[in-house]
C-alpha atoms as a PDB file:
ATOM      1  CA  UNK A   1       8.150  13.258  15.598  1.00  0.00           C
ATOM      2  CA  UNK A   2       5.736  10.263  15.234  1.00  0.00           C
ATOM      3  CA  UNK A   3       7.460   7.206  15.705  1.00  0.00           C
ATOM      4  CA  UNK A   4       6.936   5.259  12.309  1.00  0.00           C
ATOM      5  CA  UNK A   5       6.511   1.974  13.460  1.00  0.00           C
ATOM      6  CA  UNK A   6       3.687   2.788  15.928  1.00  0.00           C
ATOM      7  CA  UNK A   7       1.471   4.021  13.158  1.00  0.00           C
ATOM      8  CA  UNK A   8      -0.876   1.862  12.126  1.00  0.00           C
ATOM      9  CA  UNK A   9      -2.629   1.593   8.437  1.00  0.00           C
ATOM     10  CA  UNK A  10      -5.770   2.615   7.370  1.00  0.00           C
ATOM     11  CA  UNK A  11      -8.309  -0.328   6.467  1.00  0.00           C
ATOM     12  CA  UNK A  12      -8.163   1.564   3.096  1.00  0.00           C
ATOM     13  CA  UNK A  13      -4.255   1.507   2.903  1.00  0.00           C
ATOM     14  CA  UNK A  14      -3.907  -2.214   4.616  1.00  0.00           C
ATOM     15  CA  UNK A  15      -6.321  -3.502   1.421  1.00  0.00           C
ATOM     16  CA  UNK A  16      -4.140  -1.853  -0.717  1.00  0.00           C
ATOM     17  CA  UNK A  17      -0.998  -2.965   0.244  1.00  0.00           C
ATOM     18  CA  UNK A  18      -2.203  -6.530   0.739  1.00  0.00           C
ATOM     19  CA  UNK A  19      -2.838  -7.013  -2.921  1.00  0.00           C
ATOM     20  CA  UNK A  20       0.629  -6.010  -3.421  1.00  0.00           C
ATOM     21  CA  UNK A  21       1.671  -9.748  -1.864  1.00  0.00           C
ATOM     22  CA  UNK A  22       0.372 -11.754  -5.103  1.00  0.00           C
ATOM     23  CA  UNK A  23       1.529  -9.955  -7.314  1.00  0.00           C
ATOM     24  CA  UNK A  24       5.362  -9.900  -9.347  1.00  0.00           C
ATOM     25  CA  UNK A  25       7.850  -7.333  -7.442  1.00  0.00           C
ATOM     26  CA  UNK A  26       5.367  -6.796  -5.287  1.00  0.00           C
ATOM     27  CA  UNK A  27       3.523  -3.892  -7.578  1.00  0.00           C
ATOM     28  CA  UNK A  28       0.780  -2.401  -6.415  1.00  0.00           C
ATOM     29  CA  UNK A  29      -2.488  -2.025  -8.313  1.00  0.00           C
ATOM     30  CA  UNK A  30      -3.954   1.664  -9.821  1.00  0.00           C
ATOM     31  CA  UNK A  31      -7.740   0.828  -9.104  1.00  0.00           C
ATOM     32  CA  UNK A  32      -9.487  -1.131  -6.672  1.00  0.00           C
ATOM     33  CA  UNK A  33     -11.613  -4.143  -6.982  1.00  0.00           C
ATOM     34  CA  UNK A  34     -13.894  -2.290  -8.297  1.00  0.00           C
ATOM     35  CA  UNK A  35     -12.312  -0.396 -11.149  1.00  0.00           C
ATOM     36  CA  UNK A  36     -12.198   2.739  -9.040  1.00  0.00           C
ATOM     37  CA  UNK A  37      -8.182   4.386  -9.329  1.00  0.00           C
ATOM     38  CA  UNK A  38      -6.888   4.446  -5.965  1.00  0.00           C
ATOM     39  CA  UNK A  39      -6.664   7.592  -4.295  1.00  0.00           C
ATOM     40  CA  UNK A  40      -3.812   9.820  -4.523  1.00  0.00           C
ATOM     41  CA  UNK A  41      -3.618  10.368  -0.609  1.00  0.00           C
ATOM     42  CA  UNK A  42      -3.797   6.996   0.163  1.00  0.00           C
ATOM     43  CA  UNK A  43      -0.657   6.241  -2.428  1.00  0.00           C
ATOM     44  CA  UNK A  44       0.909   9.340  -1.017  1.00  0.00           C
ATOM     45  CA  UNK A  45       0.325   8.394   2.657  1.00  0.00           C
ATOM     46  CA  UNK A  46       1.945   4.711   1.986  1.00  0.00           C
ATOM     47  CA  UNK A  47       5.159   6.422   0.194  1.00  0.00           C
ATOM     48  CA  UNK A  48       5.511   8.759   2.988  1.00  0.00           C
ATOM     49  CA  UNK A  49       5.407   5.667   5.370  1.00  0.00           C
ATOM     50  CA  UNK A  50       7.901   4.004   3.944  1.00  0.00           C
ATOM     51  CA  UNK A  51       5.272   0.990   3.109  1.00  0.00           C
ATOM     52  CA  UNK A  52       5.711   1.610  -0.871  1.00  0.00           C
ATOM     53  CA  UNK A  53       7.277   3.271  -3.467  1.00  0.00           C
ATOM     54  CA  UNK A  54       7.807   4.191  -7.168  1.00  0.00           C
ATOM     55  CA  UNK A  55       8.346   1.939  -8.793  1.00  0.00           C
ATOM     56  CA  UNK A  56       8.967   3.109 -12.742  1.00  0.00           C
ATOM     57  CA  UNK A  57       6.941   5.830 -14.678  1.00  0.00           C
ATOM     58  CA  UNK A  58       4.132   5.068 -17.166  1.00  0.00           C
ATOM     59  CA  UNK A  59       4.768   6.030 -20.536  1.00  0.00           C
ATOM     60  CA  UNK A  60       1.153   5.794 -21.463  1.00  0.00           C
ATOM     61  CA  UNK A  61      -0.188   7.653 -18.495  1.00  0.00           C
ATOM     62  CA  UNK A  62       2.588   9.715 -16.832  1.00  0.00           C
ATOM     63  CA  UNK A  63       0.594  11.332 -14.183  1.00  0.00           C
ATOM     64  CA  UNK A  64      -0.081   7.421 -12.624  1.00  0.00           C
ATOM     65  CA  UNK A  65       2.536   6.386 -10.112  1.00  0.00           C
ATOM     66  CA  UNK A  66       3.424   2.761 -10.097  1.00  0.00           C
ATOM     67  CA  UNK A  67       4.246   1.702  -7.059  1.00  0.00           C
ATOM     68  CA  UNK A  68       5.453  -1.629  -5.235  1.00  0.00           C
ATOM     69  CA  UNK A  69       5.265  -2.935  -1.676  1.00  0.00           C
ATOM     70  CA  UNK A  70       8.370  -2.728   0.327  1.00  0.00           C
ATOM     71  CA  UNK A  71       9.977  -4.902   2.695  1.00  0.00           C
ATOM     72  CA  UNK A  72       8.359  -2.526   5.789  1.00  0.00           C
ATOM     73  CA  UNK A  73       5.042  -2.832   3.813  1.00  0.00           C
ATOM     74  CA  UNK A  74       5.186  -6.477   4.450  1.00  0.00           C
ATOM     75  CA  UNK A  75       6.151  -6.294   7.679  1.00  0.00           C
ATOM     76  CA  UNK A  76       3.188  -3.745   8.686  1.00  0.00           C
ATOM     77  CA  UNK A  77       0.664  -5.889   6.373  1.00  0.00           C
ATOM     78  CA  UNK A  78       1.868  -9.229   8.063  1.00  0.00           C
ATOM     79  CA  UNK A  79       1.725  -7.942  11.575  1.00  0.00           C
ATOM     80  CA  UNK A  80      -1.690  -6.789  10.941  1.00  0.00           C
ATOM     81  CA  UNK A  81      -2.524  -9.812   9.940  1.00  0.00           C
ATOM     82  CA  UNK A  82      -1.092 -11.554  12.740  1.00  0.00           C
ATOM     83  CA  UNK A  83      -3.228  -9.558  14.797  1.00  0.00           C
ATOM     84  CA  UNK A  84      -6.406 -11.145  16.403  1.00  0.00           C
ATOM     85  CA  UNK A  85      -9.707 -10.055  14.707  1.00  0.00           C
ATOM     86  CA  UNK A  86     -12.261  -8.714  16.773  1.00  0.00           C
ATOM     87  CA  UNK A  87     -15.969  -8.295  15.944  1.00  0.00           C
ATOM     88  CA  UNK A  88     -18.343  -5.864  17.234  1.00  0.00           C
END
């Protein structure tokens, strides 16, 4: 079994998680900044790692999973953002 503390989010996951930092309750968006729905694999992977959690059911679109950022998700984003940026 892999130690979750050493798993690093992908750029796509990290960008999605960051967007929850400024939203009430840490709500994570259903769509990216270009209007494309966030991929199910991204959402499920973040839930599996404990970075996001299902929040409530969407009565209008029951197949859409409304999630919020968890404390662990906030920690992972902060840790990634604290790393020095390297540019090729």
